[in-house]
Amino acid sequence: MRALVATAAGTWAVDLEEELLLGPSTETLPEVPAPRIALPLLLAAAAAGSTVVAVLDRKPPLAVSHDAGTTWSESGRGLPGGRAVAIRADEPDTILYGARNRLYLSTDGGRFWRALALELPAIEAVAFAD
């Protein structure tokens, strides 16, 4: 599973399973329209099917909905603030969160998060590449 990460120093390809930086990438992040949600302190959001994840400027930094935004639950206790999130379209329980310079991956819909070992320049956006 690969991701593209837009940073202050360009776009990087990352192997999420091996936690490897594959190097600079000439690929561009896909243009995915952000879902329209009305939450205070909203920084970024992503949706796939009925799963919606919002990055908020507060602690914990994430809100997750599994019913298209009707109800929300907090997620990411202990995670640092960030500005980027992506949901894998074919597996909506797989969520990638970009904090300042580190990526976090959840494979259970945002209940548990795993920090990837690699560090990147200031993260601006994330997307699943395959």
C-alpha atoms as a PDB file:
ATOM      1  CA  MET A   1       0.000   0.000   0.000  1.00  0.00           C
ATOM      2  CA  ARG A   2       1.492   3.308  -1.112  1.00  0.00           C
ATOM      3  CA  ALA A   3       0.770   6.903  -0.231  1.00  0.00           C
ATOM      4  CA  LEU A   4       1.709  10.242  -1.721  1.00  0.00           C
ATOM      5  CA  VAL A   5       2.618  12.955   0.727  1.00  0.00           C
ATOM      6  CA  ALA A   6       2.797  16.605  -0.291  1.00  0.00           C
ATOM      7  CA  THR A   7       5.312  18.431   1.892  1.00  0.00           C
ATOM      8  CA  ALA A   8       7.010  21.798   2.026  1.00  0.00           C
ATOM      9  CA  ALA A   9       9.914  20.118   0.183  1.00  0.00           C
ATOM     10  CA  GLY A  10       7.871  18.481  -2.591  1.00  0.00           C
ATOM     11  CA  THR A  11       5.868  15.275  -2.995  1.00  0.00           C
ATOM     12  CA  TRP A  12       7.145  11.977  -1.609  1.00  0.00           C
ATOM     13  CA  ALA A  13       6.059   8.380  -2.209  1.00  0.00           C
ATOM     14  CA  VAL A  14       5.790   6.228   0.917  1.00  0.00           C
ATOM     15  CA  ASP A  15       5.358   2.471   1.316  1.00  0.00           C
ATOM     16  CA  LEU A  16       2.966   2.281   4.276  1.00  0.00           C
ATOM     17  CA  GLU A  17       3.387  -1.438   4.959  1.00  0.00           C
ATOM     18  CA  GLU A  18       7.191  -1.403   5.005  1.00  0.00           C
ATOM     19  CA  GLU A  19       7.327   2.138   6.452  1.00  0.00           C
ATOM     20  CA  LEU A  20       9.799   3.162   3.761  1.00  0.00           C
ATOM     21  CA  LEU A  21      10.317   6.479   2.070  1.00  0.00           C
ATOM     22  CA  LEU A  22      10.408   5.550  -1.621  1.00  0.00           C
ATOM     23  CA  GLY A  23      11.789   8.930  -2.590  1.00  0.00           C
ATOM     24  CA  PRO A  24      10.658  12.097  -4.288  1.00  0.00           C
ATOM     25  CA  SER A  25       7.733  11.598  -6.638  1.00  0.00           C
ATOM     26  CA  THR A  26       6.640  13.386  -9.787  1.00  0.00           C
ATOM     27  CA  GLU A  27       3.092  12.108  -9.215  1.00  0.00           C
ATOM     28  CA  THR A  28       0.545  14.664  -8.087  1.00  0.00           C
ATOM     29  CA  LEU A  29      -1.995  14.063  -5.385  1.00  0.00           C
ATOM     30  CA  PRO A  30      -5.432  13.389  -6.861  1.00  0.00           C
ATOM     31  CA  GLU A  31      -7.937  16.234  -6.731  1.00  0.00           C
ATOM     32  CA  VAL A  32     -10.525  14.900  -4.298  1.00  0.00           C
ATOM     33  CA  PRO A  33     -13.268  17.309  -3.280  1.00  0.00           C
ATOM     34  CA  ALA A  34     -13.453  17.714   0.486  1.00  0.00           C
ATOM     35  CA  PRO A  35     -16.782  16.690   1.983  1.00  0.00           C
ATOM     36  CA  ARG A  36     -19.036  19.518   3.103  1.00  0.00           C
ATOM     37  CA  ILE A  37     -19.272  19.296   6.857  1.00  0.00           C
ATOM     38  CA  ALA A  38     -20.105  21.920   9.430  1.00  0.00           C
ATOM     39  CA  LEU A  39     -17.796  21.314  12.359  1.00  0.00           C
ATOM     40  CA  PRO A  40     -16.041  24.079  14.276  1.00  0.00           C
ATOM     41  CA  LEU A  41     -12.250  24.405  13.940  1.00  0.00           C
ATOM     42  CA  LEU A  42     -12.206  22.298  10.744  1.00  0.00           C
ATOM     43  CA  LEU A  43      -8.806  22.114   9.009  1.00  0.00           C
ATOM     44  CA  ALA A  44      -9.284  19.236   6.534  1.00  0.00           C
ATOM     45  CA  ALA A  45     -11.652  16.365   5.803  1.00  0.00           C
ATOM     46  CA  ALA A  46     -11.927  13.209   3.724  1.00  0.00           C
ATOM     47  CA  ALA A  47     -14.744  10.817   2.900  1.00  0.00           C
ATOM     48  CA  ALA A  48     -15.189   7.356   1.405  1.00  0.00           C
ATOM     49  CA  GLY A  49     -18.623   5.760   1.384  1.00  0.00           C
ATOM     50  CA  SER A  50     -20.311   6.614   4.660  1.00  0.00           C
ATOM     51  CA  THR A  51     -16.988   7.136   6.491  1.00  0.00           C
ATOM     52  CA  VAL A  52     -16.003  10.774   7.031  1.00  0.00           C
ATOM     53  CA  VAL A  53     -12.912  11.957   8.935  1.00  0.00           C
ATOM     54  CA  ALA A  54     -12.354  15.567   9.944  1.00  0.00           C
ATOM     55  CA  VAL A  55      -9.086  17.111  11.139  1.00  0.00           C
ATOM     56  CA  LEU A  56      -9.850  19.714  13.783  1.00  0.00           C
ATOM     57  CA  ASP A  57      -7.728  22.388  15.420  1.00  0.00           C
ATOM     58  CA  ARG A  58      -8.159  20.926  18.926  1.00  0.00           C
ATOM     59  CA  LYS A  59      -7.340  17.884  21.052  1.00  0.00           C
ATOM     60  CA  PRO A  60      -8.030  15.145  20.087  1.00  0.00           C
ATOM     61  CA  PRO A  61      -7.398  16.272  16.522  1.00  0.00           C
ATOM     62  CA  LEU A  62      -9.824  13.970  14.689  1.00  0.00           C
ATOM     63  CA  ALA A  63     -13.577  13.418  14.467  1.00  0.00           C
ATOM     64  CA  VAL A  64     -14.844  10.280  12.729  1.00  0.00           C
ATOM     65  CA  SER A  65     -18.311   9.523  11.386  1.00  0.00           C
ATOM     66  CA  HIS A  66     -19.391   6.155  10.026  1.00  0.00           C
ATOM     67  CA  ASP A  67     -22.857   7.381   9.008  1.00  0.00           C
ATOM     68  CA  ALA A  68     -21.988  10.143   6.504  1.00  0.00           C
ATOM     69  CA  GLY A  69     -21.695  12.859   9.152  1.00  0.00           C
ATOM     70  CA  THR A  70     -24.915  12.300  11.081  1.00  0.00           C
ATOM     71  CA  THR A  71     -23.049  11.401  14.280  1.00  0.00           C
ATOM     72  CA  TRP A  72     -19.402  11.964  15.237  1.00  0.00           C
ATOM     73  CA  SER A  73     -16.925  10.449  17.672  1.00  0.00           C
ATOM     74  CA  GLU A  74     -13.559  11.774  18.774  1.00  0.00           C
ATOM     75  CA  SER A  75     -10.457   9.967  17.599  1.00  0.00           C
ATOM     76  CA  GLY A  76      -6.717  10.295  17.912  1.00  0.00           C
ATOM     77  CA  ARG A  77      -6.246  10.865  21.607  1.00  0.00           C
ATOM     78  CA  GLY A  78      -2.527  11.392  22.065  1.00  0.00           C
ATOM     79  CA  LEU A  79      -1.906  12.305  18.418  1.00  0.00           C
ATOM     80  CA  PRO A  80      -0.305  15.659  17.652  1.00  0.00           C
ATOM     81  CA  GLY A  81      -2.177  18.274  15.650  1.00  0.00           C
ATOM     82  CA  GLY A  82      -2.128  17.931  11.885  1.00  0.00           C
ATOM     83  CA  ARG A  83      -3.551  19.234   8.646  1.00  0.00           C
ATOM     84  CA  ALA A  84      -4.058  16.253   6.330  1.00  0.00           C
ATOM     85  CA  VAL A  85      -6.190  13.118   6.145  1.00  0.00           C
ATOM     86  CA  ALA A  86      -7.067  10.511   3.521  1.00  0.00           C
ATOM     87  CA  ILE A  87      -9.380   7.498   3.490  1.00  0.00           C
ATOM     88  CA  ARG A  88      -8.714   4.524   1.257  1.00  0.00           C
ATOM     89  CA  ALA A  89     -11.661   4.388  -1.172  1.00  0.00           C
ATOM     90  CA  ASP A  90     -11.839   0.582  -1.405  1.00  0.00           C
ATOM     91  CA  GLU A  91     -11.221   0.081   2.344  1.00  0.00           C
ATOM     92  CA  PRO A  92     -12.891   2.938   4.277  1.00  0.00           C
ATOM     93  CA  ASP A  93     -11.550   1.601   7.591  1.00  0.00           C
ATOM     94  CA  THR A  94      -8.016   2.465   6.411  1.00  0.00           C
ATOM     95  CA  ILE A  95      -7.229   6.081   7.265  1.00  0.00           C
ATOM     96  CA  LEU A  96      -3.973   8.024   6.849  1.00  0.00           C
ATOM     97  CA  TYR A  97      -3.404  11.090   9.032  1.00  0.00           C
ATOM     98  CA  GLY A  98      -0.598  13.583   8.471  1.00  0.00           C
ATOM     99  CA  ALA A  99       0.656  15.453  11.516  1.00  0.00           C
ATOM    100  CA  ARG A 100       3.405  18.078  11.276  1.00  0.00           C
ATOM    101  CA  ASN A 101       6.118  15.717   9.988  1.00  0.00           C
ATOM    102  CA  ARG A 102       4.896  12.212  10.771  1.00  0.00           C
ATOM    103  CA  LEU A 103       2.265   9.876   9.321  1.00  0.00           C
ATOM    104  CA  TYR A 104      -0.216   7.837  11.363  1.00  0.00           C
ATOM    105  CA  LEU A 105      -2.207   4.893  10.013  1.00  0.00           C
ATOM    106  CA  SER A 106      -5.437   3.341  11.257  1.00  0.00           C
ATOM    107  CA  THR A 107      -6.828   0.133   9.775  1.00  0.00           C
ATOM    108  CA  ASP A 108      -9.877  -0.089  12.044  1.00  0.00           C
ATOM    109  CA  GLY A 109     -11.824   3.045  11.193  1.00  0.00           C
ATOM    110  CA  GLY A 110      -9.906   5.384  13.488  1.00  0.00           C
ATOM    111  CA  ARG A 111     -10.088   3.534  16.788  1.00  0.00           C
ATOM    112  CA  PHE A 112      -6.373   2.737  17.003  1.00  0.00           C
ATOM    113  CA  TRP A 113      -3.467   4.550  15.336  1.00  0.00           C
ATOM    114  CA  ARG A 114       0.079   3.477  14.511  1.00  0.00           C
ATOM    115  CA  ALA A 115       2.876   5.998  13.991  1.00  0.00           C
ATOM    116  CA  LEU A 116       5.086   5.300  11.002  1.00  0.00           C
ATOM    117  CA  ALA A 117       8.805   5.382  11.803  1.00  0.00           C
ATOM    118  CA  LEU A 118       9.821   7.786   9.059  1.00  0.00           C
ATOM    119  CA  GLU A 119       9.816  11.566   9.341  1.00  0.00           C
ATOM    120  CA  LEU A 120       9.112  14.012   6.539  1.00  0.00           C
ATOM    121  CA  PRO A 121       9.345  17.763   5.987  1.00  0.00           C
ATOM    122  CA  ALA A 122       6.204  19.732   6.969  1.00  0.00           C
ATOM    123  CA  ILE A 123       3.240  17.691   5.698  1.00  0.00           C
ATOM    124  CA  GLU A 124       0.602  19.599   3.722  1.00  0.00           C
ATOM    125  CA  ALA A 125      -1.575  16.843   2.170  1.00  0.00           C
ATOM    126  CA  VAL A 126      -1.796  13.042   1.943  1.00  0.00           C
ATOM    127  CA  ALA A 127      -3.418  10.569  -0.456  1.00  0.00           C
ATOM    128  CA  PHE A 128      -3.463   6.838  -1.048  1.00  0.00           C
ATOM    129  CA  ALA A 129      -1.659   6.016  -4.294  1.00  0.00           C
ATOM    130  CA  ASP A 130      -3.016   2.519  -4.908  1.00  0.00           C
END
